């Protein structure tokens, strides 16, 4: 039986701005099991990164968790003091940011930064910490690690810097690794290497991973469960097969239709119409309604409930409610 390591329940996160309150996360809930990989997918502005930062409590100064719970091994970490969160970050949960160049300090060597992370969260000091830094660089596939620890971030390639970030995140052997768009700044070949590396390390170390991305193709092979987000809400959740082959939300279908397909060379890509939702002016009903070609009147006024679709996964769309009622009506008439 799988063991639940992280549970996010009805999470709401907002930011105070000059123009008003931006509700970036609106009631997100999910569970992460030990040793599993969860993918969170959506366009820019869908709330996926803010969800990750809320778990780590590394929001900007104008951001706050307004309600909800984040349970780590049953304890609500939203109630933690800054000192407790300091212990939680790195030791229990680590994060890899999307641009390693801006995440690494340009004036310190790679070894200095790795050693600092190790000394901060473990009992290793001095030469012992440096040995651990070399060991971690070796583990993530950095060649000549003893030479690399003396170099500065600008002396390394993008792929190498990302490997250093992964080494830093895993140096304290956390239970959970959050990867926020870890391959965005990398070319396709290096992307594949980094994803393969993360899967290998996940199997080796047994940690759980939350993979945040806008690219469905990135997570197709690696996630046990995928959550699709839009407007700070969860639209659909299920296995990779559910999401890719049996999508039940119009937004998920739109994302899949906009992916280039080698079988359709010569055909135009079909983008999702309109622009992402303005989080300052959220609609009363479904957040995707203004861009949805199948929208109904109820979509404007009421938020759709999350319901289980016939194949077993979950989606929040009024079309599924309508189909279920029609099927029920048909079954009654048939009797």
Protein backbone atom coordinates (compact mmCIF):
# COMPACT_ATOMS: atom_id res chain seq x y z
CA UNK A 1 0.00 0.00 0.00
CA UNK A 2 1.35 3.45 -0.97
CA UNK A 3 2.14 5.88 1.83
CA UNK A 4 0.89 9.46 1.60
CA UNK A 5 3.76 11.89 2.22
CA UNK A 6 2.20 15.22 1.21
CA UNK A 7 -1.43 16.28 1.19
CA UNK A 8 -2.58 19.67 -0.12
CA UNK A 9 -6.15 20.47 0.93
CA UNK A 10 -8.24 23.34 -0.49
CA UNK A 11 -5.20 25.62 -0.85
CA UNK A 12 -5.84 29.32 -1.56
CA UNK A 13 -2.93 31.69 -2.22
CA UNK A 14 -3.27 35.36 -3.15
CA UNK A 15 -1.10 38.41 -3.81
CA UNK A 16 -1.89 41.99 -2.82
CA UNK A 17 -1.23 44.42 -5.67
CA UNK A 18 -1.99 48.09 -6.41
CA UNK A 19 -4.84 46.94 -8.68
CA UNK A 20 -6.37 44.56 -6.13
CA UNK A 21 -6.03 41.01 -4.86
CA UNK A 22 -4.71 38.45 -7.32
CA UNK A 23 -6.13 35.02 -6.44
CA UNK A 24 -3.40 32.85 -7.93
CA UNK A 25 -4.41 29.52 -6.36
CA UNK A 26 -8.12 28.83 -5.79
CA UNK A 27 -8.85 25.68 -3.81
CA UNK A 28 -6.21 23.24 -5.07
CA UNK A 29 -6.18 19.77 -3.49
CA UNK A 30 -3.99 16.74 -4.22
CA UNK A 31 -2.08 13.90 -2.56
CA UNK A 32 1.51 12.84 -3.20
CA UNK A 33 2.52 9.30 -2.30
CA UNK A 34 6.00 8.28 -1.19
CA UNK A 35 8.26 7.45 -4.14
CA UNK A 36 5.76 8.65 -6.77
CA UNK A 37 6.01 11.36 -9.46
CA UNK A 38 3.21 13.90 -9.77
CA UNK A 39 3.01 16.24 -12.77
CA UNK A 40 1.34 19.66 -12.55
CA UNK A 41 0.63 21.07 -16.02
CA UNK A 42 -0.84 24.31 -17.35
CA UNK A 43 -0.14 27.49 -19.28
CA UNK A 44 1.85 30.36 -17.76
CA UNK A 45 -0.31 32.00 -15.10
CA UNK A 46 -2.33 28.86 -14.32
CA UNK A 47 -1.07 28.80 -10.71
CA UNK A 48 1.18 25.73 -10.90
CA UNK A 49 4.42 27.44 -9.77
CA UNK A 50 2.60 29.41 -7.05
CA UNK A 51 1.24 26.09 -5.74
CA UNK A 52 4.83 24.79 -5.52
CA UNK A 53 6.09 27.98 -3.85
CA UNK A 54 3.18 27.84 -1.38
CA UNK A 55 4.27 24.35 -0.30
CA UNK A 56 7.81 25.65 0.29
CA UNK A 57 6.49 28.99 1.65
CA UNK A 58 8.85 31.00 -0.53
CA UNK A 59 6.25 33.46 -1.85
CA UNK A 60 7.01 37.12 -2.63
CA UNK A 61 6.47 39.53 0.28
CA UNK A 62 3.03 40.52 -1.04
CA UNK A 63 1.88 36.86 -1.25
CA UNK A 64 0.18 34.77 1.43
CA UNK A 65 -1.64 31.48 1.91
CA UNK A 66 -5.13 32.75 2.75
CA UNK A 67 -6.62 29.34 3.61
CA UNK A 68 -6.16 25.60 3.27
CA UNK A 69 -3.70 23.02 4.58
CA UNK A 70 -0.40 21.55 3.43
CA UNK A 71 0.14 18.33 5.36
CA UNK A 72 3.63 16.81 5.42
CA UNK A 73 3.46 13.35 7.05
CA UNK A 74 0.21 14.47 8.68
CA UNK A 75 1.53 17.81 10.06
CA UNK A 76 0.15 21.10 8.71
CA UNK A 77 3.29 23.01 7.68
CA UNK A 78 1.31 26.23 7.03
CA UNK A 79 1.31 26.56 10.84
CA UNK A 80 5.12 26.16 11.04
CA UNK A 81 7.33 28.99 12.35
CA UNK A 82 10.07 30.35 10.07
CA UNK A 83 12.63 28.31 12.04
CA UNK A 84 10.64 25.09 11.43
CA UNK A 85 10.26 25.96 7.73
CA UNK A 86 14.01 26.55 7.55
CA UNK A 87 14.46 22.94 8.72
CA UNK A 88 11.76 21.69 6.33
CA UNK A 89 13.33 23.32 3.27
CA UNK A 90 16.28 21.34 1.99
CA UNK A 91 16.06 18.54 4.53
CA UNK A 92 12.46 17.38 3.92
CA UNK A 93 11.62 19.14 0.66
CA UNK A 94 13.90 20.69 -1.98
CA UNK A 95 13.20 22.69 -5.11
CA UNK A 96 14.92 23.03 -8.48
CA UNK A 97 14.15 26.36 -10.17
CA UNK A 98 13.72 26.81 -13.90
CA UNK A 99 16.75 29.00 -14.61
CA UNK A 100 19.95 27.75 -12.93
CA UNK A 101 21.89 30.85 -13.98
CA UNK A 102 19.71 33.13 -11.82
CA UNK A 103 19.41 30.55 -9.02
CA UNK A 104 23.16 30.09 -8.50
CA UNK A 105 25.18 32.94 -7.01
CA UNK A 106 27.63 34.20 -9.69
CA UNK A 107 30.27 35.40 -7.18
CA UNK A 108 30.73 32.06 -5.37
CA UNK A 109 32.20 28.84 -6.72
CA UNK A 110 29.97 25.83 -7.32
CA UNK A 111 31.75 23.98 -4.49
CA UNK A 112 31.19 26.85 -2.07
CA UNK A 113 27.45 26.89 -2.76
CA UNK A 114 27.07 23.11 -2.55
CA UNK A 115 29.08 22.97 0.66
CA UNK A 116 26.95 25.72 2.22
CA UNK A 117 23.73 23.78 1.49
CA UNK A 118 25.21 20.57 2.95
CA UNK A 119 26.54 22.29 6.10
CA UNK A 120 23.23 24.08 6.61
CA UNK A 121 21.06 20.97 6.59
CA UNK A 122 23.35 18.11 7.69
CA UNK A 123 26.00 17.48 10.35
CA UNK A 124 28.82 17.36 7.75
CA UNK A 125 31.46 20.11 7.98
CA UNK A 126 34.60 21.22 6.15
CA UNK A 127 36.35 18.47 4.18
CA UNK A 128 33.50 16.05 4.89
CA UNK A 129 30.99 18.48 3.35
CA UNK A 130 33.30 19.05 0.39
CA UNK A 131 33.59 15.28 -0.13
CA UNK A 132 29.78 15.06 -0.14
CA UNK A 133 29.64 17.89 -2.73
CA UNK A 134 32.04 16.00 -5.03
CA UNK A 135 30.05 12.79 -4.50
CA UNK A 136 26.78 14.55 -5.42
CA UNK A 137 28.26 16.10 -8.58
CA UNK A 138 29.50 12.66 -9.58
CA UNK A 139 26.05 11.18 -8.93
CA UNK A 140 24.33 13.70 -11.24
CA UNK A 141 26.78 13.00 -14.05
CA UNK A 142 29.09 16.05 -13.85
CA UNK A 143 32.47 15.12 -15.30
CA UNK A 144 35.66 16.00 -13.40
CA UNK A 145 33.74 16.98 -10.22
CA UNK A 146 36.90 17.99 -8.28
CA UNK A 147 37.67 20.52 -11.00
CA UNK A 148 34.04 21.73 -11.22
CA UNK A 149 33.74 22.62 -7.53
CA UNK A 150 36.44 25.26 -8.05
CA UNK A 151 34.60 26.83 -10.99
CA UNK A 152 32.00 29.62 -11.04
CA UNK A 153 28.48 29.13 -12.52
CA UNK A 154 29.28 31.20 -15.65
CA UNK A 155 32.09 28.76 -16.50
CA UNK A 156 29.60 25.89 -16.88
CA UNK A 157 27.12 25.10 -19.67
CA UNK A 158 23.34 25.34 -19.10
CA UNK A 159 22.96 21.58 -18.75
CA UNK A 160 25.90 21.41 -16.34
CA UNK A 161 24.45 24.22 -14.21
CA UNK A 162 21.12 22.41 -14.03
CA UNK A 163 22.94 19.26 -12.87
CA UNK A 164 24.61 21.35 -10.14
CA UNK A 165 21.14 22.60 -9.07
CA UNK A 166 19.88 19.00 -8.90
CA UNK A 167 22.97 17.99 -6.88
CA UNK A 168 22.30 20.86 -4.46
CA UNK A 169 18.63 19.94 -4.10
CA UNK A 170 19.42 16.26 -3.44
CA UNK A 171 22.50 16.73 -1.23
CA UNK A 172 20.41 16.43 1.95
CA UNK A 173 18.38 13.46 0.64
CA UNK A 174 14.92 15.10 0.89
CA UNK A 175 11.67 13.10 0.91
CA UNK A 176 10.16 15.43 -1.72
CA UNK A 177 11.74 17.15 -4.72
CA UNK A 178 9.85 19.94 -6.49
CA UNK A 179 11.09 20.58 -10.02
CA UNK A 180 9.76 23.89 -11.35
CA UNK A 181 10.15 23.84 -15.14
CA UNK A 182 13.60 22.20 -14.76
CA UNK A 183 14.23 21.91 -18.51
CA UNK A 184 12.86 25.23 -19.85
CA UNK A 185 16.24 26.90 -20.45
CA UNK A 186 17.81 23.80 -22.02
CA UNK A 187 17.93 22.45 -25.56
CA UNK A 188 16.00 19.28 -26.43
CA UNK A 189 18.92 16.83 -26.14
CA UNK A 190 19.95 18.14 -22.71
CA UNK A 191 16.26 18.18 -21.64
CA UNK A 192 16.03 14.44 -22.27
CA UNK A 193 19.27 13.81 -20.32
CA UNK A 194 18.06 15.85 -17.30
CA UNK A 195 14.67 14.09 -17.22
CA UNK A 196 16.33 10.68 -17.50
CA UNK A 197 18.72 11.65 -14.70
CA UNK A 198 15.84 12.72 -12.45
CA UNK A 199 14.04 9.42 -13.01
CA UNK A 200 17.21 7.43 -12.23
CA UNK A 201 17.84 9.41 -9.03
CA UNK A 202 14.20 9.09 -7.99
CA UNK A 203 14.42 5.29 -8.25
CA UNK A 204 17.79 5.24 -6.50
CA UNK A 205 16.83 7.54 -3.60
CA UNK A 206 13.13 6.68 -3.35
CA UNK A 207 11.96 10.29 -3.09
CA UNK A 208 8.65 11.70 -4.34
CA UNK A 209 8.77 14.31 -7.13
CA UNK A 210 6.40 17.13 -8.06
CA UNK A 211 7.16 18.08 -11.67
CA UNK A 212 5.80 21.53 -12.61
CA UNK A 213 5.73 22.20 -16.36
CA UNK A 214 3.77 23.76 -19.22
CA UNK A 215 4.98 21.03 -21.59
CA UNK A 216 2.84 17.89 -21.61
CA UNK A 217 5.47 16.10 -23.72
CA UNK A 218 8.05 16.48 -20.93
CA UNK A 219 6.03 14.45 -18.43
CA UNK A 220 4.34 11.92 -20.72
CA UNK A 221 6.67 9.05 -19.78
CA UNK A 222 7.59 9.84 -16.21
CA UNK A 223 4.54 10.75 -14.09
CA UNK A 224 2.35 8.38 -12.06
CA UNK A 225 -0.37 11.04 -11.90
CA UNK A 226 -0.95 14.30 -13.78
CA UNK A 227 -2.91 17.36 -12.60
CA UNK A 228 -4.01 19.92 -15.21
CA UNK A 229 -4.45 23.46 -13.82
CA UNK A 230 -6.12 26.57 -15.20
CA UNK A 231 -6.96 29.85 -13.47
CA UNK A 232 -5.57 28.58 -10.18
CA UNK A 233 -7.91 25.58 -10.16
CA UNK A 234 -7.56 21.87 -10.94
CA UNK A 235 -9.39 21.05 -14.20
CA UNK A 236 -8.53 17.38 -14.50
CA UNK A 237 -6.48 14.71 -12.74
CA UNK A 238 -5.58 11.16 -13.69
CA UNK A 239 -2.83 8.89 -14.97
CA UNK A 240 -0.79 9.82 -18.08
CA UNK A 241 -3.00 7.44 -20.12
CA UNK A 242 -6.15 9.13 -18.81
CA UNK A 243 -4.91 12.61 -19.66
CA UNK A 244 -3.36 11.79 -23.05
CA UNK A 245 -5.87 9.28 -24.42
CA UNK A 246 -9.12 10.00 -22.54
CA UNK A 247 -9.17 13.75 -21.75
CA UNK A 248 -12.48 14.93 -20.29
CA UNK A 249 -11.95 18.68 -19.89
CA UNK A 250 -12.04 21.08 -22.84
CA UNK A 251 -8.85 22.81 -21.63
CA UNK A 252 -6.91 19.52 -21.52
CA UNK A 253 -8.16 18.73 -25.03
CA UNK A 254 -6.99 22.19 -26.16
CA UNK A 255 -3.51 21.63 -24.71
CA UNK A 256 -3.23 18.26 -26.45
CA UNK A 257 -4.47 19.67 -29.79
CA UNK A 258 -1.80 22.37 -29.69
CA UNK A 259 1.06 19.84 -29.51
CA UNK A 260 2.81 19.25 -32.89
CA UNK A 261 2.14 15.75 -34.25
CA UNK A 262 4.46 14.04 -36.78
CA UNK A 263 1.41 12.23 -38.22
CA UNK A 264 -0.15 15.59 -39.13
CA UNK A 265 2.70 17.24 -41.02
CA UNK A 266 1.32 20.00 -43.24
CA UNK A 267 -1.71 20.60 -41.03
CA UNK A 268 -1.94 23.84 -39.08
CA UNK A 269 -1.60 23.69 -35.28
CA UNK A 270 -4.85 24.38 -33.47
CA UNK A 271 -4.12 26.84 -30.64
CA UNK A 272 -6.49 27.45 -27.74
CA UNK A 273 -8.49 30.58 -28.66
CA UNK A 274 -8.29 33.75 -26.56
CA UNK A 275 -5.83 34.66 -23.82
CA UNK A 276 -5.25 33.24 -20.31
CA UNK A 277 -7.67 34.39 -17.62
CA UNK A 278 -7.12 37.68 -15.78
CA UNK A 279 -6.70 36.57 -12.16
CA UNK A 280 -7.79 40.02 -10.96
CA UNK A 281 -11.16 39.50 -12.59
CA UNK A 282 -12.09 35.84 -12.13
CA UNK A 283 -15.46 34.76 -13.58
CA UNK A 284 -18.17 33.44 -11.27
CA UNK A 285 -18.31 30.13 -13.10
CA UNK A 286 -15.71 28.00 -14.89
CA UNK A 287 -12.39 29.86 -15.33
CA UNK A 288 -11.96 28.40 -18.85
CA UNK A 289 -15.47 29.40 -19.98
CA UNK A 290 -14.48 32.58 -21.94
CA UNK A 291 -12.15 30.49 -24.15
CA UNK A 292 -14.24 27.33 -24.42
CA UNK A 293 -16.00 26.59 -27.72
CA UNK A 294 -18.44 24.21 -25.97
CA UNK A 295 -19.43 26.59 -23.12
CA UNK A 296 -23.02 26.48 -21.87
CA UNK A 297 -25.01 29.07 -19.90
CA UNK A 298 -24.34 27.32 -16.56
CA UNK A 299 -20.57 27.58 -17.20
CA UNK A 300 -20.80 31.38 -16.83
CA UNK A 301 -22.52 31.33 -13.45
CA UNK A 302 -21.43 28.25 -11.53
CA UNK A 303 -18.12 26.51 -10.90
CA UNK A 304 -18.28 22.90 -12.12
CA UNK A 305 -17.94 20.19 -9.45
CA UNK A 306 -15.09 17.70 -9.68
CA UNK A 307 -16.65 14.41 -10.71
CA UNK A 308 -15.44 10.94 -11.58
CA UNK A 309 -15.83 10.21 -15.28
CA UNK A 310 -16.76 6.69 -16.51
CA UNK A 311 -13.13 5.52 -16.97
CA UNK A 312 -12.28 6.42 -13.35
CA UNK A 313 -10.28 9.64 -13.41
CA UNK A 314 -11.58 13.08 -12.34
CA UNK A 315 -12.50 16.26 -14.22
CA UNK A 316 -14.28 19.54 -13.40
CA UNK A 317 -16.45 20.30 -16.44
CA UNK A 318 -20.21 20.84 -16.82
CA UNK A 319 -20.15 18.82 -20.07
CA UNK A 320 -19.36 15.69 -18.03
CA UNK A 321 -22.28 16.44 -15.70
CA UNK A 322 -24.54 16.86 -18.73
CA UNK A 323 -23.32 13.57 -20.27
CA UNK A 324 -23.83 11.72 -16.97
CA UNK A 325 -27.42 13.02 -16.67
CA UNK A 326 -28.15 12.09 -20.29
CA UNK A 327 -26.75 8.57 -19.73
CA UNK A 328 -28.84 8.22 -16.56
CA UNK A 329 -31.96 9.39 -18.39
CA UNK A 330 -31.25 6.98 -21.25
CA UNK A 331 -30.80 4.08 -18.83
CA UNK A 332 -34.13 4.87 -17.11
CA UNK A 333 -35.96 5.05 -20.47
CA UNK A 334 -34.35 1.78 -21.57
CA UNK A 335 -35.70 0.06 -18.45
